[in-house]
PDB file of N, CA and C in Angstrom:
ATOM      1  N   UNK A   1     -34.294  -3.272  20.324  1.00  0.00           N
ATOM      2  CA  UNK A   1     -32.899  -3.059  19.910  1.00  0.00           C
ATOM      3  C   UNK A   1     -32.693  -1.569  19.666  1.00  0.00           C
ATOM      4  N   UNK A   2     -31.626  -1.092  20.166  1.00  0.00           N
ATOM      5  CA  UNK A   2     -31.232   0.324  20.036  1.00  0.00           C
ATOM      6  C   UNK A   2     -30.842   0.617  18.560  1.00  0.00           C
ATOM      7  N   UNK A   3     -31.338   1.751  18.030  1.00  0.00           N
ATOM      8  CA  UNK A   3     -30.977   2.114  16.665  1.00  0.00           C
ATOM      9  C   UNK A   3     -29.497   2.307  16.430  1.00  0.00           C
ATOM     10  N   UNK A   4     -28.740   2.667  17.445  1.00  0.00           N
ATOM     11  CA  UNK A   4     -27.280   2.823  17.336  1.00  0.00           C
ATOM     12  C   UNK A   4     -26.621   1.502  17.040  1.00  0.00           C
ATOM     13  N   UNK A   5     -27.158   0.394  17.598  1.00  0.00           N
ATOM     14  CA  UNK A   5     -26.619  -0.909  17.356  1.00  0.00           C
ATOM     15  C   UNK A   5     -26.768  -1.325  15.899  1.00  0.00           C
ATOM     16  N   UNK A   6     -27.826  -0.872  15.250  1.00  0.00           N
ATOM     17  CA  UNK A   6     -28.043  -1.186  13.825  1.00  0.00           C
ATOM     18  C   UNK A   6     -27.154  -0.322  12.939  1.00  0.00           C
ATOM     19  N   UNK A   7     -27.065   0.937  13.243  1.00  0.00           N
ATOM     20  CA  UNK A   7     -26.322   1.896  12.400  1.00  0.00           C
ATOM     21  C   UNK A   7     -24.811   1.655  12.490  1.00  0.00           C
ATOM     22  N   UNK A   8     -24.290   1.328  13.620  1.00  0.00           N
ATOM     23  CA  UNK A   8     -22.850   1.160  13.804  1.00  0.00           C
ATOM     24  C   UNK A   8     -22.228   0.131  12.851  1.00  0.00           C
ATOM     25  N   UNK A   9     -22.778  -1.087  12.760  1.00  0.00           N
ATOM     26  CA  UNK A   9     -22.196  -2.055  11.836  1.00  0.00           C
ATOM     27  C   UNK A   9     -22.274  -1.604  10.364  1.00  0.00           C
ATOM     28  N   UNK A  10     -23.380  -0.966   9.994  1.00  0.00           N
ATOM     29  CA  UNK A  10     -23.486  -0.466   8.595  1.00  0.00           C
ATOM     30  C   UNK A  10     -22.464   0.594   8.334  1.00  0.00           C
ATOM     31  N   UNK A  11     -22.238   1.456   9.295  1.00  0.00           N
ATOM     32  CA  UNK A  11     -21.247   2.519   9.161  1.00  0.00           C
ATOM     33  C   UNK A  11     -19.845   1.911   8.989  1.00  0.00           C
ATOM     34  N   UNK A  12     -19.554   0.871   9.791  1.00  0.00           N
ATOM     35  CA  UNK A  12     -18.256   0.226   9.699  1.00  0.00           C
ATOM     36  C   UNK A  12     -18.105  -0.423   8.334  1.00  0.00           C
ATOM     37  N   UNK A  13     -19.164  -1.058   7.812  1.00  0.00           N
ATOM     38  CA  UNK A  13     -19.113  -1.680   6.488  1.00  0.00           C
ATOM     39  C   UNK A  13     -18.817  -0.645   5.411  1.00  0.00           C
ATOM     40  N   UNK A  14     -19.498   0.492   5.459  1.00  0.00           N
ATOM     41  CA  UNK A  14     -19.248   1.590   4.522  1.00  0.00           C
ATOM     42  C   UNK A  14     -17.820   2.063   4.590  1.00  0.00           C
ATOM     43  N   UNK A  15     -17.252   2.132   5.804  1.00  0.00           N
ATOM     44  CA  UNK A  15     -15.876   2.525   5.985  1.00  0.00           C
ATOM     45  C   UNK A  15     -14.914   1.532   5.316  1.00  0.00           C
ATOM     46  N   UNK A  16     -15.195   0.254   5.496  1.00  0.00           N
ATOM     47  CA  UNK A  16     -14.363  -0.814   4.841  1.00  0.00           C
ATOM     48  C   UNK A  16     -14.479  -0.694   3.324  1.00  0.00           C
ATOM     49  N   UNK A  17     -15.684  -0.475   2.878  1.00  0.00           N
ATOM     50  CA  UNK A  17     -15.910  -0.367   1.431  1.00  0.00           C
ATOM     51  C   UNK A  17     -15.114   0.814   0.839  1.00  0.00           C
ATOM     52  N   UNK A  18     -15.124   1.928   1.533  1.00  0.00           N
ATOM     53  CA  UNK A  18     -14.356   3.122   1.055  1.00  0.00           C
ATOM     54  C   UNK A  18     -12.859   2.815   1.071  1.00  0.00           C
ATOM     55  N   UNK A  19     -12.383   2.142   2.093  1.00  0.00           N
ATOM     56  CA  UNK A  19     -10.967   1.814   2.165  1.00  0.00           C
ATOM     57  C   UNK A  19     -10.585   0.844   1.031  1.00  0.00           C
ATOM     58  N   UNK A  20     -11.342  -0.203   0.843  1.00  0.00           N
ATOM     59  CA  UNK A  20     -11.016  -1.174  -0.200  1.00  0.00           C
ATOM     60  C   UNK A  20     -11.029  -0.529  -1.533  1.00  0.00           C
ATOM     61  N   UNK A  21     -12.033   0.292  -1.819  1.00  0.00           N
ATOM     62  CA  UNK A  21     -12.093   0.976  -3.130  1.00  0.00           C
ATOM     63  C   UNK A  21     -10.890   1.879  -3.314  1.00  0.00           C
ATOM     64  N   UNK A  22     -10.527   2.613  -2.303  1.00  0.00           N
ATOM     65  CA  UNK A  22      -9.375   3.524  -2.409  1.00  0.00           C
ATOM     66  C   UNK A  22      -8.063   2.749  -2.695  1.00  0.00           C
ATOM     67  N   UNK A  23      -7.868   1.655  -1.953  1.00  0.00           N
ATOM     68  CA  UNK A  23      -6.631   0.888  -2.133  1.00  0.00           C
ATOM     69  C   UNK A  23      -6.619   0.187  -3.521  1.00  0.00           C
ATOM     70  N   UNK A  24      -7.732  -0.324  -3.953  1.00  0.00           N
ATOM     71  CA  UNK A  24      -7.784  -0.978  -5.263  1.00  0.00           C
ATOM     72  C   UNK A  24      -7.521   0.045  -6.380  1.00  0.00           C
ATOM     73  N   UNK A  25      -8.063   1.224  -6.209  1.00  0.00           N
ATOM     74  CA  UNK A  25      -7.902   2.295  -7.161  1.00  0.00           C
ATOM     75  C   UNK A  25      -6.440   2.755  -7.225  1.00  0.00           C
ATOM     76  N   UNK A  26      -5.757   2.750  -6.114  1.00  0.00           N
ATOM     77  CA  UNK A  26      -4.408   3.265  -6.013  1.00  0.00           C
ATOM     78  C   UNK A  26      -3.340   2.268  -6.494  1.00  0.00           C
ATOM     79  N   UNK A  27      -3.625   0.961  -6.418  1.00  0.00           N
ATOM     80  CA  UNK A  27      -2.600  -0.048  -6.706  1.00  0.00           C
ATOM     81  C   UNK A  27      -3.152  -1.225  -7.508  1.00  0.00           C
ATOM     82  N   UNK A  28      -2.619  -1.421  -8.687  1.00  0.00           N
ATOM     83  CA  UNK A  28      -2.988  -2.584  -9.512  1.00  0.00           C
ATOM     84  C   UNK A  28      -2.608  -3.899  -8.842  1.00  0.00           C
ATOM     85  N   UNK A  29      -1.494  -3.874  -8.109  1.00  0.00           N
ATOM     86  CA  UNK A  29      -0.995  -5.066  -7.463  1.00  0.00           C
ATOM     87  C   UNK A  29      -2.007  -5.619  -6.439  1.00  0.00           C
ATOM     88  N   UNK A  30      -2.719  -4.742  -5.772  1.00  0.00           N
ATOM     89  CA  UNK A  30      -3.663  -5.160  -4.734  1.00  0.00           C
ATOM     90  C   UNK A  30      -4.933  -5.733  -5.332  1.00  0.00           C
ATOM     91  N   UNK A  31      -5.223  -5.498  -6.569  1.00  0.00           N
ATOM     92  CA  UNK A  31      -6.408  -5.995  -7.201  1.00  0.00           C
ATOM     93  C   UNK A  31      -6.439  -7.493  -7.310  1.00  0.00           C
ATOM     94  N   UNK A  32      -5.271  -8.123  -7.313  1.00  0.00           N
ATOM     95  CA  UNK A  32      -5.141  -9.552  -7.436  1.00  0.00           C
ATOM     96  C   UNK A  32      -4.555 -10.251  -6.191  1.00  0.00           C
ATOM     97  N   UNK A  33      -4.406  -9.540  -5.103  1.00  0.00           N
ATOM     98  CA  UNK A  33      -3.758 -10.115  -3.953  1.00  0.00           C
ATOM     99  C   UNK A  33      -4.445  -9.717  -2.644  1.00  0.00           C
ATOM    100  N   UNK A  34      -5.347 -10.585  -2.176  1.00  0.00           N
ATOM    101  CA  UNK A  34      -6.087 -10.261  -0.977  1.00  0.00           C
ATOM    102  C   UNK A  34      -5.183 -10.124   0.276  1.00  0.00           C
ATOM    103  N   UNK A  35      -4.152 -10.926   0.358  1.00  0.00           N
ATOM    104  CA  UNK A  35      -3.274 -10.824   1.522  1.00  0.00           C
ATOM    105  C   UNK A  35      -2.602  -9.486   1.585  1.00  0.00           C
ATOM    106  N   UNK A  36      -2.120  -8.992   0.443  1.00  0.00           N
ATOM    107  CA  UNK A  36      -1.499  -7.671   0.450  1.00  0.00           C
ATOM    108  C   UNK A  36      -2.536  -6.554   0.691  1.00  0.00           C
ATOM    109  N   UNK A  37      -3.706  -6.741   0.158  1.00  0.00           N
ATOM    110  CA  UNK A  37      -4.780  -5.753   0.333  1.00  0.00           C
ATOM    111  C   UNK A  37      -5.115  -5.653   1.854  1.00  0.00           C
ATOM    112  N   UNK A  38      -5.304  -6.811   2.501  1.00  0.00           N
ATOM    113  CA  UNK A  38      -5.579  -6.815   3.919  1.00  0.00           C
ATOM    114  C   UNK A  38      -4.451  -6.227   4.725  1.00  0.00           C
ATOM    115  N   UNK A  39      -3.227  -6.575   4.375  1.00  0.00           N
ATOM    116  CA  UNK A  39      -2.066  -6.017   5.067  1.00  0.00           C
ATOM    117  C   UNK A  39      -2.009  -4.483   4.959  1.00  0.00           C
ATOM    118  N   UNK A  40      -2.254  -3.977   3.765  1.00  0.00           N
ATOM    119  CA  UNK A  40      -2.199  -2.518   3.554  1.00  0.00           C
ATOM    120  C   UNK A  40      -3.299  -1.827   4.370  1.00  0.00           C
ATOM    121  N   UNK A  41      -4.492  -2.399   4.328  1.00  0.00           N
ATOM    122  CA  UNK A  41      -5.599  -1.784   5.069  1.00  0.00           C
ATOM    123  C   UNK A  41      -5.281  -1.837   6.584  1.00  0.00           C
ATOM    124  N   UNK A  42      -4.806  -2.963   7.056  1.00  0.00           N
ATOM    125  CA  UNK A  42      -4.471  -3.102   8.507  1.00  0.00           C
ATOM    126  C   UNK A  42      -3.374  -2.132   8.886  1.00  0.00           C
ATOM    127  N   UNK A  43      -2.328  -1.981   8.079  1.00  0.00           N
ATOM    128  CA  UNK A  43      -1.272  -1.023   8.387  1.00  0.00           C
ATOM    129  C   UNK A  43      -1.833   0.391   8.475  1.00  0.00           C
ATOM    130  N   UNK A  44      -2.731   0.727   7.556  1.00  0.00           N
ATOM    131  CA  UNK A  44      -3.366   2.039   7.594  1.00  0.00           C
ATOM    132  C   UNK A  44      -4.205   2.198   8.867  1.00  0.00           C
ATOM    133  N   UNK A  45      -4.950   1.185   9.232  1.00  0.00           N
ATOM    134  CA  UNK A  45      -5.735   1.241  10.462  1.00  0.00           C
ATOM    135  C   UNK A  45      -4.895   1.316  11.714  1.00  0.00           C
ATOM    136  N   UNK A  46      -3.783   0.581  11.734  1.00  0.00           N
ATOM    137  CA  UNK A  46      -2.869   0.654  12.875  1.00  0.00           C
ATOM    138  C   UNK A  46      -2.299   2.066  13.060  1.00  0.00           C
ATOM    139  N   UNK A  47      -1.847   2.614  11.930  1.00  0.00           N
ATOM    140  CA  UNK A  47      -1.342   3.987  11.993  1.00  0.00           C
ATOM    141  C   UNK A  47      -2.386   4.948  12.472  1.00  0.00           C
ATOM    142  N   UNK A  48      -3.625   4.724  12.059  1.00  0.00           N
ATOM    143  CA  UNK A  48      -4.710   5.635  12.449  1.00  0.00           C
ATOM    144  C   UNK A  48      -4.988   5.601  13.979  1.00  0.00           C
ATOM    145  N   UNK A  49      -4.758   4.428  14.572  1.00  0.00           N
ATOM    146  CA  UNK A  49      -4.977   4.342  16.047  1.00  0.00           C
ATOM    147  C   UNK A  49      -3.674   4.563  16.805  1.00  0.00           C
ATOM    148  N   UNK A  50      -2.666   5.053  16.105  1.00  0.00           N
ATOM    149  CA  UNK A  50      -1.423   5.423  16.759  1.00  0.00           C
ATOM    150  C   UNK A  50      -0.444   4.289  17.057  1.00  0.00           C
ATOM    151  N   UNK A  51      -0.546   3.208  16.286  1.00  0.00           N
ATOM    152  CA  UNK A  51       0.359   2.093  16.476  1.00  0.00           C
ATOM    153  C   UNK A  51       1.247   1.946  15.258  1.00  0.00           C
ATOM    154  N   UNK A  52       2.556   1.874  15.476  1.00  0.00           N
ATOM    155  CA  UNK A  52       3.502   1.701  14.382  1.00  0.00           C
ATOM    156  C   UNK A  52       3.569   0.222  14.050  1.00  0.00           C
ATOM    157  N   UNK A  53       3.118  -0.209  12.888  1.00  0.00           N
ATOM    158  CA  UNK A  53       3.080  -1.647  12.564  1.00  0.00           C
ATOM    159  C   UNK A  53       4.461  -2.305  12.595  1.00  0.00           C
ATOM    160  N   UNK A  54       5.527  -1.496  12.412  1.00  0.00           N
ATOM    161  CA  UNK A  54       6.892  -2.043  12.397  1.00  0.00           C
ATOM    162  C   UNK A  54       7.416  -2.272  13.802  1.00  0.00           C
ATOM    163  N   UNK A  55       6.720  -1.746  14.809  1.00  0.00           N
ATOM    164  CA  UNK A  55       7.232  -1.866  16.161  1.00  0.00           C
ATOM    165  C   UNK A  55       6.385  -2.732  17.104  1.00  0.00           C
ATOM    166  N   UNK A  56       5.477  -3.518  16.525  1.00  0.00           N
ATOM    167  CA  UNK A  56       4.665  -4.391  17.366  1.00  0.00           C
ATOM    168  C   UNK A  56       4.948  -5.849  17.001  1.00  0.00           C
ATOM    169  N   UNK A  57       4.698  -6.711  17.968  1.00  0.00           N
ATOM    170  CA  UNK A  57       4.912  -8.147  17.745  1.00  0.00           C
ATOM    171  C   UNK A  57       3.668  -8.772  17.132  1.00  0.00           C
ATOM    172  N   UNK A  58       3.817  -9.998  16.685  1.00  0.00           N
ATOM    173  CA  UNK A  58       2.653 -10.706  16.155  1.00  0.00           C
ATOM    174  C   UNK A  58       1.587 -10.880  17.194  1.00  0.00           C
ATOM    175  N   UNK A  59       2.022 -11.130  18.421  1.00  0.00           N
ATOM    176  CA  UNK A  59       1.054 -11.276  19.534  1.00  0.00           C
ATOM    177  C   UNK A  59       0.258  -9.956  19.766  1.00  0.00           C
ATOM    178  N   UNK A  60       0.977  -8.830  19.717  1.00  0.00           N
ATOM    179  CA  UNK A  60       0.293  -7.564  19.883  1.00  0.00           C
ATOM    180  C   UNK A  60      -0.691  -7.331  18.747  1.00  0.00           C
ATOM    181  N   UNK A  61      -0.324  -7.700  17.521  1.00  0.00           N
ATOM    182  CA  UNK A  61      -1.198  -7.584  16.381  1.00  0.00           C
ATOM    183  C   UNK A  61      -2.466  -8.388  16.613  1.00  0.00           C
ATOM    184  N   UNK A  62      -2.286  -9.604  17.093  1.00  0.00           N
ATOM    185  CA  UNK A  62      -3.450 -10.469  17.341  1.00  0.00           C
ATOM    186  C   UNK A  62      -4.334  -9.883  18.451  1.00  0.00           C
ATOM    187  N   UNK A  63      -3.748  -9.278  19.478  1.00  0.00           N
ATOM    188  CA  UNK A  63      -4.540  -8.676  20.527  1.00  0.00           C
ATOM    189  C   UNK A  63      -5.396  -7.501  19.948  1.00  0.00           C
ATOM    190  N   UNK A  64      -4.811  -6.732  19.092  1.00  0.00           N
ATOM    191  CA  UNK A  64      -5.524  -5.607  18.476  1.00  0.00           C
ATOM    192  C   UNK A  64      -6.632  -6.153  17.589  1.00  0.00           C
ATOM    193  N   UNK A  65      -6.361  -7.206  16.832  1.00  0.00           N
ATOM    194  CA  UNK A  65      -7.349  -7.823  15.973  1.00  0.00           C
ATOM    195  C   UNK A  65      -8.515  -8.392  16.781  1.00  0.00           C
ATOM    196  N   UNK A  66      -8.219  -9.068  17.858  1.00  0.00           N
ATOM    197  CA  UNK A  66      -9.235  -9.681  18.732  1.00  0.00           C
ATOM    198  C   UNK A  66     -10.158  -8.618  19.322  1.00  0.00           C
ATOM    199  N   UNK A  67      -9.656  -7.418  19.553  1.00  0.00           N
ATOM    200  CA  UNK A  67     -10.429  -6.334  20.126  1.00  0.00           C
ATOM    201  C   UNK A  67     -11.207  -5.595  19.057  1.00  0.00           C
ATOM    202  N   UNK A  68     -11.279  -6.133  17.836  1.00  0.00           N
ATOM    203  CA  UNK A  68     -12.008  -5.549  16.736  1.00  0.00           C
ATOM    204  C   UNK A  68     -11.532  -4.161  16.389  1.00  0.00           C
ATOM    205  N   UNK A  69     -10.256  -3.916  16.523  1.00  0.00           N
ATOM    206  CA  UNK A  69      -9.677  -2.608  16.124  1.00  0.00           C
ATOM    207  C   UNK A  69      -9.255  -2.626  14.639  1.00  0.00           C
ATOM    208  N   UNK A  70      -9.259  -3.812  14.015  1.00  0.00           N
ATOM    209  CA  UNK A  70      -8.873  -3.962  12.627  1.00  0.00           C
ATOM    210  C   UNK A  70     -10.057  -4.516  11.856  1.00  0.00           C
ATOM    211  N   UNK A  71     -10.158  -4.173  10.610  1.00  0.00           N
ATOM    212  CA  UNK A  71     -11.236  -4.682   9.757  1.00  0.00           C
ATOM    213  C   UNK A  71     -11.156  -6.196   9.618  1.00  0.00           C
ATOM    214  N   UNK A  72     -12.279  -6.860   9.600  1.00  0.00           N
ATOM    215  CA  UNK A  72     -12.336  -8.298   9.412  1.00  0.00           C
ATOM    216  C   UNK A  72     -11.786  -8.656   8.039  1.00  0.00           C
ATOM    217  N   UNK A  73     -10.825  -9.615   7.961  1.00  0.00           N
ATOM    218  CA  UNK A  73     -10.278  -9.925   6.658  1.00  0.00           C
ATOM    219  C   UNK A  73     -11.288 -10.485   5.668  1.00  0.00           C
ATOM    220  N   UNK A  74     -12.238 -11.204   6.192  1.00  0.00           N
ATOM    221  CA  UNK A  74     -13.313 -11.767   5.289  1.00  0.00           C
ATOM    222  C   UNK A  74     -14.192 -10.646   4.718  1.00  0.00           C
ATOM    223  N   UNK A  75     -14.429  -9.638   5.530  1.00  0.00           N
ATOM    224  CA  UNK A  75     -15.199  -8.457   5.038  1.00  0.00           C
ATOM    225  C   UNK A  75     -14.393  -7.762   3.953  1.00  0.00           C
ATOM    226  N   UNK A  76     -13.108  -7.614   4.138  1.00  0.00           N
ATOM    227  CA  UNK A  76     -12.300  -6.975   3.120  1.00  0.00           C
ATOM    228  C   UNK A  76     -12.309  -7.793   1.858  1.00  0.00           C
ATOM    229  N   UNK A  77     -12.173  -9.088   1.919  1.00  0.00           N
ATOM    230  CA  UNK A  77     -12.149  -9.959   0.751  1.00  0.00           C
ATOM    231  C   UNK A  77     -13.491  -9.901   0.026  1.00  0.00           C
ATOM    232  N   UNK A  78     -14.576 -10.017   0.760  1.00  0.00           N
ATOM    233  CA  UNK A  78     -15.912  -9.988   0.132  1.00  0.00           C
ATOM    234  C   UNK A  78     -16.220  -8.610  -0.483  1.00  0.00           C
ATOM    235  N   UNK A  79     -15.771  -7.567   0.163  1.00  0.00           N
ATOM    236  CA  UNK A  79     -15.979  -6.222  -0.364  1.00  0.00           C
ATOM    237  C   UNK A  79     -15.189  -6.047  -1.641  1.00  0.00           C
ATOM    238  N   UNK A  80     -13.935  -6.522  -1.678  1.00  0.00           N
ATOM    239  CA  UNK A  80     -13.143  -6.460  -2.884  1.00  0.00           C
ATOM    240  C   UNK A  80     -13.829  -7.214  -4.009  1.00  0.00           C
ATOM    241  N   UNK A  81     -14.328  -8.364  -3.700  1.00  0.00           N
ATOM    242  CA  UNK A  81     -14.955  -9.210  -4.689  1.00  0.00           C
ATOM    243  C   UNK A  81     -16.207  -8.501  -5.292  1.00  0.00           C
ATOM    244  N   UNK A  82     -17.019  -7.903  -4.408  1.00  0.00           N
ATOM    245  CA  UNK A  82     -18.241  -7.251  -4.840  1.00  0.00           C
ATOM    246  C   UNK A  82     -17.903  -5.979  -5.644  1.00  0.00           C
ATOM    247  N   UNK A  83     -16.937  -5.225  -5.221  1.00  0.00           N
ATOM    248  CA  UNK A  83     -16.534  -4.026  -5.942  1.00  0.00           C
ATOM    249  C   UNK A  83     -16.053  -4.349  -7.319  1.00  0.00           C
ATOM    250  N   UNK A  84     -15.252  -5.442  -7.416  1.00  0.00           N
ATOM    251  CA  UNK A  84     -14.712  -5.822  -8.744  1.00  0.00           C
ATOM    252  C   UNK A  84     -15.821  -6.370  -9.662  1.00  0.00           C
ATOM    253  N   UNK A  85     -16.818  -6.992  -9.060  1.00  0.00           N
ATOM    254  CA  UNK A  85     -17.951  -7.468  -9.835  1.00  0.00           C
ATOM    255  C   UNK A  85     -18.724  -6.263 -10.432  1.00  0.00           C
ATOM    256  N   UNK A  86     -18.898  -5.222  -9.638  1.00  0.00           N
ATOM    257  CA  UNK A  86     -19.689  -4.072 -10.025  1.00  0.00           C
ATOM    258  C   UNK A  86     -18.927  -3.055 -10.846  1.00  0.00           C
ATOM    259  N   UNK A  87     -17.585  -2.967 -10.667  1.00  0.00           N
ATOM    260  CA  UNK A  87     -16.804  -1.905 -11.337  1.00  0.00           C
ATOM    261  C   UNK A  87     -15.588  -2.523 -12.054  1.00  0.00           C
ATOM    262  N   UNK A  88     -15.655  -2.614 -13.394  1.00  0.00           N
ATOM    263  CA  UNK A  88     -14.627  -3.300 -14.140  1.00  0.00           C
ATOM    264  C   UNK A  88     -13.231  -2.648 -13.979  1.00  0.00           C
ATOM    265  N   UNK A  89     -13.175  -1.345 -13.755  1.00  0.00           N
ATOM    266  CA  UNK A  89     -11.874  -0.670 -13.625  1.00  0.00           C
ATOM    267  C   UNK A  89     -11.130  -1.069 -12.358  1.00  0.00           C
ATOM    268  N   UNK A  90     -11.825  -1.717 -11.422  1.00  0.00           N
ATOM    269  CA  UNK A  90     -11.180  -2.183 -10.184  1.00  0.00           C
ATOM    270  C   UNK A  90     -10.726  -3.636 -10.283  1.00  0.00           C
ATOM    271  N   UNK A  91     -10.948  -4.278 -11.431  1.00  0.00           N
ATOM    272  CA  UNK A  91     -10.569  -5.666 -11.596  1.00  0.00           C
ATOM    273  C   UNK A  91      -9.083  -5.792 -11.984  1.00  0.00           C
ATOM    274  N   UNK A  92      -8.504  -6.866 -11.487  1.00  0.00           N
ATOM    275  CA  UNK A  92      -7.126  -7.204 -11.823  1.00  0.00           C
ATOM    276  C   UNK A  92      -7.050  -8.143 -12.962  1.00  0.00           C
ATOM    277  N   UNK A  93      -5.817  -8.547 -13.289  1.00  0.00           N
ATOM    278  CA  UNK A  93      -5.564  -9.485 -14.382  1.00  0.00           C
ATOM    279  C   UNK A  93      -6.133 -10.851 -14.089  1.00  0.00           C
ATOM    280  N   UNK A  94      -6.065 -11.315 -12.826  1.00  0.00           N
ATOM    281  CA  UNK A  94      -6.556 -12.633 -12.465  1.00  0.00           C
ATOM    282  C   UNK A  94      -8.059 -12.704 -12.618  1.00  0.00           C
ATOM    283  N   UNK A  95      -8.761 -11.609 -12.355  1.00  0.00           N
ATOM    284  CA  UNK A  95     -10.196 -11.597 -12.508  1.00  0.00           C
ATOM    285  C   UNK A  95     -10.585 -11.893 -13.968  1.00  0.00           C
ATOM    286  N   UNK A  96      -9.924 -11.194 -14.853  1.00  0.00           N
ATOM    287  CA  UNK A  96     -10.254 -11.365 -16.304  1.00  0.00           C
ATOM    288  C   UNK A  96      -9.892 -12.784 -16.761  1.00  0.00           C
ATOM    289  N   UNK A  97      -8.757 -13.297 -16.312  1.00  0.00           N
ATOM    290  CA  UNK A  97      -8.318 -14.635 -16.680  1.00  0.00           C
ATOM    291  C   UNK A  97      -9.277 -15.691 -16.142  1.00  0.00           C
ATOM    292  N   UNK A  98      -9.720 -15.522 -14.908  1.00  0.00           N
ATOM    293  CA  UNK A  98     -10.645 -16.459 -14.273  1.00  0.00           C
ATOM    294  C   UNK A  98     -11.993 -16.463 -15.019  1.00  0.00           C
ATOM    295  N   UNK A  99     -12.456 -15.283 -15.390  1.00  0.00           N
ATOM    296  CA  UNK A  99     -13.732 -15.166 -16.099  1.00  0.00           C
ATOM    297  C   UNK A  99     -13.664 -15.839 -17.465  1.00  0.00           C
ATOM    298  N   UNK A 100     -12.546 -15.649 -18.182  1.00  0.00           N
ATOM    299  CA  UNK A 100     -12.360 -16.276 -19.458  1.00  0.00           C
ATOM    300  C   UNK A 100     -12.363 -17.785 -19.365  1.00  0.00           C
ATOM    301  N   UNK A 101     -11.601 -18.328 -18.421  1.00  0.00           N
ATOM    302  CA  UNK A 101     -11.546 -19.751 -18.212  1.00  0.00           C
ATOM    303  C   UNK A 101     -12.916 -20.307 -17.844  1.00  0.00           C
ATOM    304  N   UNK A 102     -13.642 -19.608 -17.006  1.00  0.00           N
ATOM    305  CA  UNK A 102     -14.973 -20.052 -16.592  1.00  0.00           C
ATOM    306  C   UNK A 102     -15.926 -20.085 -17.776  1.00  0.00           C
ATOM    307  N   UNK A 103     -15.850 -19.064 -18.620  1.00  0.00           N
ATOM    308  CA  UNK A 103     -16.723 -19.013 -19.802  1.00  0.00           C
ATOM    309  C   UNK A 103     -16.403 -20.154 -20.745  1.00  0.00           C
ATOM    310  N   UNK A 104     -15.108 -20.455 -20.966  1.00  0.00           N
ATOM    311  CA  UNK A 104     -14.735 -21.531 -21.829  1.00  0.00           C
ATOM    312  C   UNK A 104     -15.198 -22.877 -21.292  1.00  0.00           C
ATOM    313  N   UNK A 105     -15.083 -23.094 -19.966  1.00  0.00           N
ATOM    314  CA  UNK A 105     -15.552 -24.283 -19.342  1.00  0.00           C
ATOM    315  C   UNK A 105     -17.043 -24.497 -19.524  1.00  0.00           C
ATOM    316  N   UNK A 106     -17.815 -23.407 -19.319  1.00  0.00           N
ATOM    317  CA  UNK A 106     -19.265 -23.491 -19.458  1.00  0.00           C
ATOM    318  C   UNK A 106     -19.686 -23.778 -20.891  1.00  0.00           C
ATOM    319  N   UNK A 107     -19.001 -23.142 -21.856  1.00  0.00           N
ATOM    320  CA  UNK A 107     -19.282 -23.393 -23.259  1.00  0.00           C
ATOM    321  C   UNK A 107     -19.054 -24.874 -23.619  1.00  0.00           C
ATOM    322  N   UNK A 108     -17.960 -25.390 -23.089  1.00  0.00           N
ATOM    323  CA  UNK A 108     -17.623 -26.814 -23.338  1.00  0.00           C
ATOM    324  C   UNK A 108     -18.679 -27.705 -22.720  1.00  0.00           C
ATOM    325  N   UNK A 109     -19.096 -27.448 -21.503  1.00  0.00           N
ATOM    326  CA  UNK A 109     -20.078 -28.252 -20.826  1.00  0.00           C
ATOM    327  C   UNK A 109     -21.438 -28.206 -21.540  1.00  0.00           C
ATOM    328  N   UNK A 110     -21.728 -27.079 -22.138  1.00  0.00           N
ATOM    329  CA  UNK A 110     -23.016 -26.901 -22.856  1.00  0.00           C
ATOM    330  C   UNK A 110     -22.932 -27.380 -24.309  1.00  0.00           C
ATOM    331  N   UNK A 111     -21.720 -27.752 -24.746  1.00  0.00           N
ATOM    332  CA  UNK A 111     -21.541 -28.263 -26.101  1.00  0.00           C
ATOM    333  C   UNK A 111     -21.438 -27.187 -27.167  1.00  0.00           C
ATOM    334  N   UNK A 112     -21.062 -25.971 -26.783  1.00  0.00           N
ATOM    335  CA  UNK A 112     -20.899 -24.855 -27.737  1.00  0.00           C
ATOM    336  C   UNK A 112     -19.499 -24.767 -28.334  1.00  0.00           C
ATOM    337  N   UNK A 113     -18.586 -25.635 -27.884  1.00  0.00           N
ATOM    338  CA  UNK A 113     -17.198 -25.500 -28.364  1.00  0.00           C
ATOM    339  C   UNK A 113     -16.947 -26.236 -29.640  1.00  0.00           C
ATOM    340  N   UNK A 114     -17.970 -26.818 -30.226  1.00  0.00           N
ATOM    341  CA  UNK A 114     -17.775 -27.603 -31.451  1.00  0.00           C
ATOM    342  C   UNK A 114     -17.881 -26.768 -32.683  1.00  0.00           C
TER     343      UNK A 114
END
């Protein structure tokens, strides 16, 4: 296997990680909304390749996505999840609420709520 084949995916992952971190840092709204986060990243990527997102059809967007010109939405979601796990300042309100509910449920299941 060629070493370029190994390096290229890792480089792309690092690029997605940097993008996700930047968008989460810039907007509290995106911390709790994967669809908006993905949309913002895709709009940024479309602009970067010279495509105006407001002037393309859904079909054209799908063609661009199929050609791997846009970040994988699952990679964006997983990266957001991992960054929020590791860096509390990148967490949204839903993260904190979900963690609190999960802790309460686990305490109840273990019998610590008495």
